Amino acid sequence: MDIRKLKYFITVAEELHFNRAAEKLNMTQPPLSQQIQNLEEEIGVQLLERSKRTVLLTPAGEVFLNEARRIVRQLEQSIEKTRLAGEGMVGQLSIAFVDSASGEWLVRLLRIFRELYPQVQLILREMTSAEQIQALQDGTIHFGFVRYSEPVKHVRYQTVQHESLIAVLPEDHALALESEVSIRNLAAEAFILFPRQFGAPFYDQIMQFCKNHEVDPKVVQEAVQMSTIVNLVAAGMGISIIPSSASIFERKGVVFLPFQEVTPFVPLFAAWRTDVNQAVIANFLSLLSNLD
């Protein structure tokens, strides 16, 4: 059934006058009458009682008017939702991030995105870099923020940050009151690091930094999340080397100190699939690329 016929009928039923309805529809009266007649023939029931002076709805016409309004309204809503989805204004966006990336810049990015696209549902997940790369391959997340890039089919990376390494020490450590620390002065310390399998390139950066300065870290405890590492340092379990952004986990019982030595720059990458054509992903990537 032609949706235009429904709109013609609704207008006639509301005006109860063919000439006024025709004017409202920007057409002449004869073709409008013909369209209504065709509609009645199509559904097999009289919708309007016509006389020289009046036009009235039949009981069937009253029922059909409600249904026609509902159908037109639903169709218009469906068209609008489809248009918004095509523009990335509605939908879902699943974003994962390593915990050390959950600083002010990410908060600002998400806040601006929500302001620009309030009808997009954000699903946020904290995951290790290795878990994110696997989730991107599986299609269970749309976007990730990871500490290393790994060649994966249909996954692209973009560097969004570079940061240095810093030391995190218990607040009662002998070096805690210093403004900076040498990695050589930590050679005898017990280290707390994350397991290598959760981010081998990043782990190797830390170990290579130590090796370059003749330090062989004695790893006595492992923890997956940076926040957990900071808590373990506060508990006196050892010291650690972390990205500078992890200082957001500042808490009583620890101090964060820069190194005297030049440290390797630790990258943070945005990662997303290139074979998923979704406007909502493109909108998020555009905002990320233009964020000051």
C-alpha atoms as a PDB file:
ATOM      1  CA  MET A   1       0.000   0.000   0.000  1.00  0.00           C
ATOM      2  CA  ASP A   2       1.286   3.432  -0.968  1.00  0.00           C
ATOM      3  CA  ILE A   3       2.039   5.447   2.189  1.00  0.00           C
ATOM      4  CA  ARG A   4       0.880   8.562   0.344  1.00  0.00           C
ATOM      5  CA  LYS A   5      -2.659   7.192   0.231  1.00  0.00           C
ATOM      6  CA  LEU A   6      -2.630   6.893   4.002  1.00  0.00           C
ATOM      7  CA  LYS A   7      -1.494  10.490   4.353  1.00  0.00           C
ATOM      8  CA  TYR A   8      -4.178  11.622   1.891  1.00  0.00           C
ATOM      9  CA  PHE A   9      -6.851   9.765   3.847  1.00  0.00           C
ATOM     10  CA  ILE A  10      -5.664  11.155   7.191  1.00  0.00           C
ATOM     11  CA  THR A  11      -5.836  14.716   5.858  1.00  0.00           C
ATOM     12  CA  VAL A  12      -9.343  14.229   4.417  1.00  0.00           C
ATOM     13  CA  ALA A  13     -10.499  12.547   7.651  1.00  0.00           C
ATOM     14  CA  GLU A  14      -9.181  15.445   9.728  1.00  0.00           C
ATOM     15  CA  GLU A  15     -10.605  18.170   7.475  1.00  0.00           C
ATOM     16  CA  LEU A  16     -13.805  16.305   6.514  1.00  0.00           C
ATOM     17  CA  HIS A  17     -13.755  18.438   3.390  1.00  0.00           C
ATOM     18  CA  PHE A  18     -12.117  17.422   0.112  1.00  0.00           C
ATOM     19  CA  ASN A  19     -11.343  20.910  -1.140  1.00  0.00           C
ATOM     20  CA  ARG A  20      -9.683  22.004   2.121  1.00  0.00           C
ATOM     21  CA  ALA A  21      -7.775  18.740   2.306  1.00  0.00           C
ATOM     22  CA  ALA A  22      -6.616  19.175  -1.302  1.00  0.00           C
ATOM     23  CA  GLU A  23      -5.396  22.693  -0.579  1.00  0.00           C
ATOM     24  CA  LYS A  24      -3.537  21.443   2.480  1.00  0.00           C
ATOM     25  CA  LEU A  25      -1.918  18.718   0.386  1.00  0.00           C
ATOM     26  CA  ASN A  26      -1.094  21.178  -2.410  1.00  0.00           C
ATOM     27  CA  MET A  27      -3.101  19.276  -4.996  1.00  0.00           C
ATOM     28  CA  THR A  28      -6.468  19.550  -6.707  1.00  0.00           C
ATOM     29  CA  GLN A  29      -9.660  17.918  -5.480  1.00  0.00           C
ATOM     30  CA  PRO A  30     -10.378  15.388  -8.306  1.00  0.00           C
ATOM     31  CA  PRO A  31      -7.095  13.417  -7.989  1.00  0.00           C
ATOM     32  CA  LEU A  32      -7.467  13.429  -4.199  1.00  0.00           C
ATOM     33  CA  SER A  33     -10.972  11.967  -4.476  1.00  0.00           C
ATOM     34  CA  GLN A  34      -9.641   9.350  -6.882  1.00  0.00           C
ATOM     35  CA  GLN A  35      -6.848   8.388  -4.455  1.00  0.00           C
ATOM     36  CA  ILE A  36      -9.336   7.915  -1.611  1.00  0.00           C
ATOM     37  CA  GLN A  37     -11.579   5.837  -3.855  1.00  0.00           C
ATOM     38  CA  ASN A  38      -8.625   3.674  -4.865  1.00  0.00           C
ATOM     39  CA  LEU A  39      -7.751   3.207  -1.196  1.00  0.00           C
ATOM     40  CA  GLU A  40     -11.290   2.063  -0.384  1.00  0.00           C
ATOM     41  CA  GLU A  41     -11.226  -0.372  -3.282  1.00  0.00           C
ATOM     42  CA  GLU A  42      -7.842  -1.679  -2.178  1.00  0.00           C
ATOM     43  CA  ILE A  43      -8.942  -2.496   1.367  1.00  0.00           C
ATOM     44  CA  GLY A  44     -12.483  -3.436   0.352  1.00  0.00           C
ATOM     45  CA  VAL A  45     -14.476  -1.194   2.671  1.00  0.00           C
ATOM     46  CA  GLN A  46     -16.042   2.268   2.575  1.00  0.00           C
ATOM     47  CA  LEU A  47     -14.143   4.723   4.734  1.00  0.00           C
ATOM     48  CA  LEU A  48     -16.064   7.948   4.063  1.00  0.00           C
ATOM     49  CA  GLU A  49     -19.719   8.848   3.575  1.00  0.00           C
ATOM     50  CA  ARG A  50     -19.945  11.583   0.994  1.00  0.00           C
ATOM     51  CA  SER A  51     -22.769  13.958   0.171  1.00  0.00           C
ATOM     52  CA  LYS A  52     -22.864  17.311  -1.603  1.00  0.00           C
ATOM     53  CA  ARG A  53     -22.503  19.113   1.701  1.00  0.00           C
ATOM     54  CA  THR A  54     -20.776  16.768   4.127  1.00  0.00           C
ATOM     55  CA  VAL A  55     -18.024  14.208   4.416  1.00  0.00           C
ATOM     56  CA  LEU A  56     -18.207  11.841   7.384  1.00  0.00           C
ATOM     57  CA  LEU A  57     -16.144   8.924   8.593  1.00  0.00           C
ATOM     58  CA  THR A  58     -17.817   5.533   8.558  1.00  0.00           C
ATOM     59  CA  PRO A  59     -17.254   3.313  11.627  1.00  0.00           C
ATOM     60  CA  ALA A  60     -14.639   1.439   9.570  1.00  0.00           C
ATOM     61  CA  GLY A  61     -13.128   4.775   8.602  1.00  0.00           C
ATOM     62  CA  GLU A  62     -12.714   5.768  12.245  1.00  0.00           C
ATOM     63  CA  VAL A  63     -10.869   2.533  12.954  1.00  0.00           C
ATOM     64  CA  PHE A  64      -8.727   2.927   9.851  1.00  0.00           C
ATOM     65  CA  LEU A  65      -7.883   6.534  10.749  1.00  0.00           C
ATOM     66  CA  ASN A  66      -6.302   5.426  14.042  1.00  0.00           C
ATOM     67  CA  GLU A  67      -4.414   2.647  12.317  1.00  0.00           C
ATOM     68  CA  ALA A  68      -3.261   4.897   9.482  1.00  0.00           C
ATOM     69  CA  ARG A  69      -1.947   7.480  11.955  1.00  0.00           C
ATOM     70  CA  ARG A  70      -0.090   4.751  13.846  1.00  0.00           C
ATOM     71  CA  ILE A  71       1.432   3.313  10.657  1.00  0.00           C
ATOM     72  CA  VAL A  72       2.569   6.706   9.362  1.00  0.00           C
ATOM     73  CA  ARG A  73       3.970   7.673  12.756  1.00  0.00           C
ATOM     74  CA  GLN A  74       5.914   4.400  13.053  1.00  0.00           C
ATOM     75  CA  LEU A  75       7.248   4.715   9.516  1.00  0.00           C
ATOM     76  CA  GLU A  76       8.393   8.294  10.113  1.00  0.00           C
ATOM     77  CA  GLN A  77      10.077   7.261  13.357  1.00  0.00           C
ATOM     78  CA  SER A  78      11.787   4.343  11.620  1.00  0.00           C
ATOM     79  CA  ILE A  79      13.034   6.607   8.848  1.00  0.00           C
ATOM     80  CA  GLU A  80      14.350   9.119  11.381  1.00  0.00           C
ATOM     81  CA  LYS A  81      16.100   6.417  13.418  1.00  0.00           C
ATOM     82  CA  THR A  82      17.658   4.999  10.265  1.00  0.00           C
ATOM     83  CA  ARG A  83      18.868   8.454   9.218  1.00  0.00           C
ATOM     84  CA  LEU A  84      20.348   9.102  12.656  1.00  0.00           C
ATOM     85  CA  ALA A  85      22.057   5.692  12.641  1.00  0.00           C
ATOM     86  CA  GLY A  86      23.542   6.471   9.233  1.00  0.00           C
ATOM     87  CA  GLU A  87      24.969   9.686  10.677  1.00  0.00           C
ATOM     88  CA  GLY A  88      26.278   7.946  13.795  1.00  0.00           C
ATOM     89  CA  MET A  89      23.865   9.846  16.029  1.00  0.00           C
ATOM     90  CA  VAL A  90      22.343   6.727  17.595  1.00  0.00           C
ATOM     91  CA  GLY A  91      23.612   3.244  18.370  1.00  0.00           C
ATOM     92  CA  GLN A  92      26.180   1.669  20.658  1.00  0.00           C
ATOM     93  CA  LEU A  93      29.918   2.132  21.043  1.00  0.00           C
ATOM     94  CA  SER A  94      31.928  -0.340  23.094  1.00  0.00           C
ATOM     95  CA  ILE A  95      35.220   1.138  24.296  1.00  0.00           C
ATOM     96  CA  ALA A  96      37.929  -0.669  26.262  1.00  0.00           C
ATOM     97  CA  PHE A  97      40.969   0.869  27.909  1.00  0.00           C
ATOM     98  CA  VAL A  98      43.927  -0.034  30.073  1.00  0.00           C
ATOM     99  CA  ASP A  99      43.504   1.331  33.580  1.00  0.00           C
ATOM    100  CA  SER A 100      46.485   3.676  33.296  1.00  0.00           C
ATOM    101  CA  ALA A 101      44.722   5.404  30.393  1.00  0.00           C
ATOM    102  CA  SER A 102      41.737   6.418  32.516  1.00  0.00           C
ATOM    103  CA  GLY A 103      43.053   9.906  33.200  1.00  0.00           C
ATOM    104  CA  GLU A 104      41.620  13.370  32.626  1.00  0.00           C
ATOM    105  CA  TRP A 105      42.097  13.290  28.846  1.00  0.00           C
ATOM    106  CA  LEU A 106      39.938  10.171  28.485  1.00  0.00           C
ATOM    107  CA  VAL A 107      37.314  11.598  30.833  1.00  0.00           C
ATOM    108  CA  ARG A 108      37.239  14.753  28.703  1.00  0.00           C
ATOM    109  CA  LEU A 109      37.024  12.756  25.464  1.00  0.00           C
ATOM    110  CA  LEU A 110      34.074  10.721  26.717  1.00  0.00           C
ATOM    111  CA  ARG A 111      32.317  13.773  28.163  1.00  0.00           C
ATOM    112  CA  ILE A 112      32.526  15.688  24.873  1.00  0.00           C
ATOM    113  CA  PHE A 113      31.384  12.645  22.895  1.00  0.00           C
ATOM    114  CA  ARG A 114      28.337  12.225  25.136  1.00  0.00           C
ATOM    115  CA  GLU A 115      27.492  15.907  24.718  1.00  0.00           C
ATOM    116  CA  LEU A 116      27.715  15.659  20.923  1.00  0.00           C
ATOM    117  CA  TYR A 117      26.021  12.258  20.598  1.00  0.00           C
ATOM    118  CA  PRO A 118      23.676  11.847  23.586  1.00  0.00           C
ATOM    119  CA  GLN A 119      21.727   9.022  21.927  1.00  0.00           C
ATOM    120  CA  VAL A 120      24.787   6.805  21.487  1.00  0.00           C
ATOM    121  CA  GLN A 121      25.103   4.299  24.309  1.00  0.00           C
ATOM    122  CA  LEU A 122      28.686   4.063  25.553  1.00  0.00           C
ATOM    123  CA  ILE A 123      29.761   0.689  26.937  1.00  0.00           C
ATOM    124  CA  LEU A 124      33.062   1.076  28.803  1.00  0.00           C
ATOM    125  CA  ARG A 125      35.303  -1.850  29.775  1.00  0.00           C
ATOM    126  CA  GLU A 126      38.633  -1.951  31.566  1.00  0.00           C
ATOM    127  CA  MET A 127      40.882  -4.539  29.899  1.00  0.00           C
ATOM    128  CA  THR A 128      44.561  -5.271  29.436  1.00  0.00           C
ATOM    129  CA  SER A 129      46.146  -4.520  26.077  1.00  0.00           C
ATOM    130  CA  ALA A 130      46.286  -8.213  25.173  1.00  0.00           C
ATOM    131  CA  GLU A 131      42.619  -8.678  26.072  1.00  0.00           C
ATOM    132  CA  GLN A 132      41.643  -5.663  23.985  1.00  0.00           C
ATOM    133  CA  ILE A 133      43.487  -6.822  20.896  1.00  0.00           C
ATOM    134  CA  GLN A 134      41.772 -10.203  21.173  1.00  0.00           C
ATOM    135  CA  ALA A 135      38.408  -8.519  21.731  1.00  0.00           C
ATOM    136  CA  LEU A 136      38.927  -6.396  18.619  1.00  0.00           C
ATOM    137  CA  GLN A 137      39.639  -9.552  16.626  1.00  0.00           C
ATOM    138  CA  ASP A 138      36.519 -11.186  18.073  1.00  0.00           C
ATOM    139  CA  GLY A 139      34.411  -8.106  17.391  1.00  0.00           C
ATOM    140  CA  THR A 140      33.306  -7.778  21.018  1.00  0.00           C
ATOM    141  CA  ILE A 141      34.564  -4.187  21.278  1.00  0.00           C
ATOM    142  CA  HIS A 142      34.598  -1.366  18.749  1.00  0.00           C
ATOM    143  CA  PHE A 143      37.470   0.690  20.092  1.00  0.00           C
ATOM    144  CA  GLY A 144      40.418   0.165  22.402  1.00  0.00           C
ATOM    145  CA  PHE A 145      43.200   2.090  24.093  1.00  0.00           C
ATOM    146  CA  VAL A 146      46.251  -0.136  24.353  1.00  0.00           C
ATOM    147  CA  ARG A 147      49.909   0.107  25.389  1.00  0.00           C
ATOM    148  CA  TYR A 148      51.324  -1.639  22.342  1.00  0.00           C
ATOM    149  CA  SER A 149      50.381  -2.339  18.754  1.00  0.00           C
ATOM    150  CA  GLU A 150      50.336  -5.825  17.323  1.00  0.00           C
ATOM    151  CA  PRO A 151      49.850  -6.518  13.607  1.00  0.00           C
ATOM    152  CA  VAL A 152      46.341  -7.896  13.343  1.00  0.00           C
ATOM    153  CA  LYS A 153      44.168  -8.189  10.250  1.00  0.00           C
ATOM    154  CA  HIS A 154      41.605  -5.365   9.978  1.00  0.00           C
ATOM    155  CA  VAL A 155      42.884  -3.589  13.119  1.00  0.00           C
ATOM    156  CA  ARG A 156      44.444  -0.167  12.826  1.00  0.00           C
ATOM    157  CA  TYR A 157      46.383   1.794  15.446  1.00  0.00           C
ATOM    158  CA  GLN A 158      46.900   5.487  16.040  1.00  0.00           C
ATOM    159  CA  THR A 159      49.252   6.915  18.640  1.00  0.00           C
ATOM    160  CA  VAL A 160      47.381   9.251  20.966  1.00  0.00           C
ATOM    161  CA  GLN A 161      49.949   9.809  23.717  1.00  0.00           C
ATOM    162  CA  HIS A 162      53.613   9.379  24.603  1.00  0.00           C
ATOM    163  CA  GLU A 163      54.688   9.401  28.216  1.00  0.00           C
ATOM    164  CA  SER A 164      57.739   8.626  30.301  1.00  0.00           C
ATOM    165  CA  LEU A 165      58.303   5.972  32.953  1.00  0.00           C
ATOM    166  CA  ILE A 166      58.270   6.901  36.626  1.00  0.00           C
ATOM    167  CA  ALA A 167      59.069   5.070  39.859  1.00  0.00           C
ATOM    168  CA  VAL A 168      56.476   4.408  42.538  1.00  0.00           C
ATOM    169  CA  LEU A 169      57.894   3.891  46.038  1.00  0.00           C
ATOM    170  CA  PRO A 170      56.433   3.406  49.511  1.00  0.00           C
ATOM    171  CA  GLU A 171      56.194   6.750  51.289  1.00  0.00           C
ATOM    172  CA  ASP A 172      58.601   5.507  54.024  1.00  0.00           C
ATOM    173  CA  HIS A 173      61.256   4.518  51.476  1.00  0.00           C
ATOM    174  CA  ALA A 174      64.714   6.012  52.022  1.00  0.00           C
ATOM    175  CA  LEU A 175      64.451   7.815  48.681  1.00  0.00           C
ATOM    176  CA  ALA A 176      60.862   8.971  49.069  1.00  0.00           C
ATOM    177  CA  LEU A 177      61.768  12.586  49.878  1.00  0.00           C
ATOM    178  CA  GLU A 178      63.959  13.000  46.783  1.00  0.00           C
ATOM    179  CA  SER A 179      62.722  15.025  43.819  1.00  0.00           C
ATOM    180  CA  GLU A 180      63.915  12.337  41.394  1.00  0.00           C
ATOM    181  CA  VAL A 181      65.518   8.928  41.567  1.00  0.00           C
ATOM    182  CA  SER A 182      68.169   6.996  39.648  1.00  0.00           C
ATOM    183  CA  ILE A 183      67.249   3.543  38.406  1.00  0.00           C
ATOM    184  CA  ARG A 184      70.675   2.384  39.638  1.00  0.00           C
ATOM    185  CA  ASN A 185      69.622   3.194  43.208  1.00  0.00           C
ATOM    186  CA  LEU A 186      66.760   0.727  42.888  1.00  0.00           C
ATOM    187  CA  ALA A 187      68.883  -2.234  41.799  1.00  0.00           C
ATOM    188  CA  ALA A 188      68.490  -4.078  45.105  1.00  0.00           C
ATOM    189  CA  GLU A 189      64.760  -3.457  45.448  1.00  0.00           C
ATOM    190  CA  ALA A 190      61.957  -5.984  45.173  1.00  0.00           C
ATOM    191  CA  PHE A 191      59.949  -5.148  42.043  1.00  0.00           C
ATOM    192  CA  ILE A 192      56.231  -5.427  41.396  1.00  0.00           C
ATOM    193  CA  LEU A 193      55.388  -5.662  37.692  1.00  0.00           C
ATOM    194  CA  PHE A 194      52.575  -6.892  35.505  1.00  0.00           C
ATOM    195  CA  PRO A 195      52.846 -10.341  33.861  1.00  0.00           C
ATOM    196  CA  ARG A 196      54.667 -10.200  30.544  1.00  0.00           C
ATOM    197  CA  GLN A 197      51.931 -12.118  28.715  1.00  0.00           C
ATOM    198  CA  PHE A 198      49.544  -9.205  29.254  1.00  0.00           C
ATOM    199  CA  GLY A 199      51.746  -6.788  27.328  1.00  0.00           C
ATOM    200  CA  ALA A 200      55.113  -8.096  26.224  1.00  0.00           C
ATOM    201  CA  PRO A 201      56.280  -4.983  24.277  1.00  0.00           C
ATOM    202  CA  PHE A 202      55.554  -2.662  27.205  1.00  0.00           C
ATOM    203  CA  TYR A 203      57.063  -5.111  29.716  1.00  0.00           C
ATOM    204  CA  ASP A 204      60.176  -5.411  27.561  1.00  0.00           C
ATOM    205  CA  GLN A 205      60.515  -1.629  27.452  1.00  0.00           C
ATOM    206  CA  ILE A 206      60.741  -1.540  31.225  1.00  0.00           C
ATOM    207  CA  MET A 207      63.205  -4.411  31.385  1.00  0.00           C
ATOM    208  CA  GLN A 208      65.367  -2.907  28.637  1.00  0.00           C
ATOM    209  CA  PHE A 209      65.435   0.415  30.474  1.00  0.00           C
ATOM    210  CA  CYS A 210      66.721  -1.385  33.549  1.00  0.00           C
ATOM    211  CA  LYS A 211      69.233  -3.426  31.550  1.00  0.00           C
ATOM    212  CA  ASN A 212      70.593  -0.287  29.867  1.00  0.00           C
ATOM    213  CA  HIS A 213      71.606   0.934  33.311  1.00  0.00           C
ATOM    214  CA  GLU A 214      72.915  -2.410  34.557  1.00  0.00           C
ATOM    215  CA  VAL A 215      69.910  -3.169  36.733  1.00  0.00           C
ATOM    216  CA  ASP A 216      68.436  -6.671  36.825  1.00  0.00           C
ATOM    217  CA  PRO A 217      65.001  -6.303  38.485  1.00  0.00           C
ATOM    218  CA  LYS A 218      64.038  -8.926  41.036  1.00  0.00           C
ATOM    219  CA  VAL A 219      60.323  -9.366  40.421  1.00  0.00           C
ATOM    220  CA  VAL A 220      58.718 -10.675  43.616  1.00  0.00           C
ATOM    221  CA  GLN A 221      55.072  -9.943  42.820  1.00  0.00           C
ATOM    222  CA  GLU A 222      52.935  -9.585  39.710  1.00  0.00           C
ATOM    223  CA  ALA A 223      49.652  -7.737  39.258  1.00  0.00           C
ATOM    224  CA  VAL A 224      47.651  -7.118  36.107  1.00  0.00           C
ATOM    225  CA  GLN A 225      46.273  -3.647  36.804  1.00  0.00           C
ATOM    226  CA  MET A 226      48.346  -0.538  37.508  1.00  0.00           C
ATOM    227  CA  SER A 227      45.999   0.440  40.324  1.00  0.00           C
ATOM    228  CA  THR A 228      46.688  -2.898  42.003  1.00  0.00           C
ATOM    229  CA  ILE A 229      50.437  -2.403  41.580  1.00  0.00           C
ATOM    230  CA  VAL A 230      50.205   0.990  43.297  1.00  0.00           C
ATOM    231  CA  ASN A 231      48.221  -0.566  46.142  1.00  0.00           C
ATOM    232  CA  LEU A 232      50.815  -3.312  46.574  1.00  0.00           C
ATOM    233  CA  VAL A 233      53.573  -0.704  46.747  1.00  0.00           C
ATOM    234  CA  ALA A 234      51.573   1.116  49.423  1.00  0.00           C
ATOM    235  CA  ALA A 235      51.384  -2.173  51.318  1.00  0.00           C
ATOM    236  CA  GLY A 236      55.192  -2.360  51.361  1.00  0.00           C
ATOM    237  CA  MET A 237      55.463  -5.299  48.972  1.00  0.00           C
ATOM    238  CA  GLY A 238      58.096  -3.592  46.822  1.00  0.00           C
ATOM    239  CA  ILE A 239      58.581  -0.804  44.293  1.00  0.00           C
ATOM    240  CA  SER A 240      57.524  -0.507  40.685  1.00  0.00           C
ATOM    241  CA  ILE A 241      58.068   1.267  37.390  1.00  0.00           C
ATOM    242  CA  ILE A 242      54.908   2.542  35.728  1.00  0.00           C
ATOM    243  CA  PRO A 243      53.804   4.980  32.998  1.00  0.00           C
ATOM    244  CA  SER A 244      53.559   8.549  34.229  1.00  0.00           C
ATOM    245  CA  SER A 245      49.797   8.593  33.619  1.00  0.00           C
ATOM    246  CA  ALA A 246      49.387   5.903  36.290  1.00  0.00           C
ATOM    247  CA  SER A 247      50.084   8.584  38.876  1.00  0.00           C
ATOM    248  CA  ILE A 248      46.308   9.200  38.721  1.00  0.00           C
ATOM    249  CA  PHE A 249      46.168   6.364  41.252  1.00  0.00           C
ATOM    250  CA  GLU A 250      47.851   8.599  43.804  1.00  0.00           C
ATOM    251  CA  ARG A 251      47.015   7.436  47.285  1.00  0.00           C
ATOM    252  CA  LYS A 252      48.313   7.618  50.806  1.00  0.00           C
ATOM    253  CA  GLY A 253      51.348   5.409  51.327  1.00  0.00           C
ATOM    254  CA  VAL A 254      53.134   5.943  47.995  1.00  0.00           C
ATOM    255  CA  VAL A 255      55.188   8.557  46.183  1.00  0.00           C
ATOM    256  CA  PHE A 256      55.755   8.937  42.444  1.00  0.00           C
ATOM    257  CA  LEU A 257      59.203  10.063  41.330  1.00  0.00           C
ATOM    258  CA  PRO A 258      60.640  10.823  37.889  1.00  0.00           C
ATOM    259  CA  PHE A 259      63.878   9.139  36.916  1.00  0.00           C
ATOM    260  CA  GLN A 260      67.167  10.983  36.579  1.00  0.00           C
ATOM    261  CA  GLU A 261      67.865   8.948  33.480  1.00  0.00           C
ATOM    262  CA  VAL A 262      66.081   9.459  30.189  1.00  0.00           C
ATOM    263  CA  THR A 263      63.380   6.810  29.994  1.00  0.00           C
ATOM    264  CA  PRO A 264      61.850   5.280  26.892  1.00  0.00           C
ATOM    265  CA  PHE A 265      58.635   6.917  25.798  1.00  0.00           C
ATOM    266  CA  VAL A 266      55.649   4.699  26.481  1.00  0.00           C
ATOM    267  CA  PRO A 267      52.999   5.041  23.784  1.00  0.00           C
ATOM    268  CA  LEU A 268      49.260   4.787  24.165  1.00  0.00           C
ATOM    269  CA  PHE A 269      47.480   3.668  21.023  1.00  0.00           C
ATOM    270  CA  ALA A 270      43.906   3.932  19.921  1.00  0.00           C
ATOM    271  CA  ALA A 271      42.896   0.734  18.122  1.00  0.00           C
ATOM    272  CA  TRP A 272      39.851  -0.042  16.003  1.00  0.00           C
ATOM    273  CA  ARG A 273      38.695  -2.370  13.254  1.00  0.00           C
ATOM    274  CA  THR A 274      38.861  -1.020   9.716  1.00  0.00           C
ATOM    275  CA  ASP A 275      36.374  -3.479   8.215  1.00  0.00           C
ATOM    276  CA  VAL A 276      33.433  -2.284  10.316  1.00  0.00           C
ATOM    277  CA  ASN A 277      31.636   0.522   8.503  1.00  0.00           C
ATOM    278  CA  GLN A 278      29.864   2.309  11.329  1.00  0.00           C
ATOM    279  CA  ALA A 279      29.368   6.056  11.385  1.00  0.00           C
ATOM    280  CA  VAL A 280      29.446   6.060  15.183  1.00  0.00           C
ATOM    281  CA  ILE A 281      33.027   4.708  15.115  1.00  0.00           C
ATOM    282  CA  ALA A 282      34.016   7.313  12.526  1.00  0.00           C
ATOM    283  CA  ASN A 283      32.531  10.080  14.694  1.00  0.00           C
ATOM    284  CA  PHE A 284      34.457   8.912  17.754  1.00  0.00           C
ATOM    285  CA  LEU A 285      37.694   8.663  15.798  1.00  0.00           C
ATOM    286  CA  SER A 286      37.195  12.144  14.350  1.00  0.00           C
ATOM    287  CA  LEU A 287      36.668  13.596  17.829  1.00  0.00           C
ATOM    288  CA  LEU A 288      39.750  11.781  19.120  1.00  0.00           C
ATOM    289  CA  SER A 289      41.876  13.066  16.247  1.00  0.00           C
ATOM    290  CA  ASN A 290      40.767  16.674  16.790  1.00  0.00           C
ATOM    291  CA  LEU A 291      40.829  16.743  20.574  1.00  0.00           C
ATOM    292  CA  ASP A 292      43.148  19.479  21.829  1.00  0.00           C
END
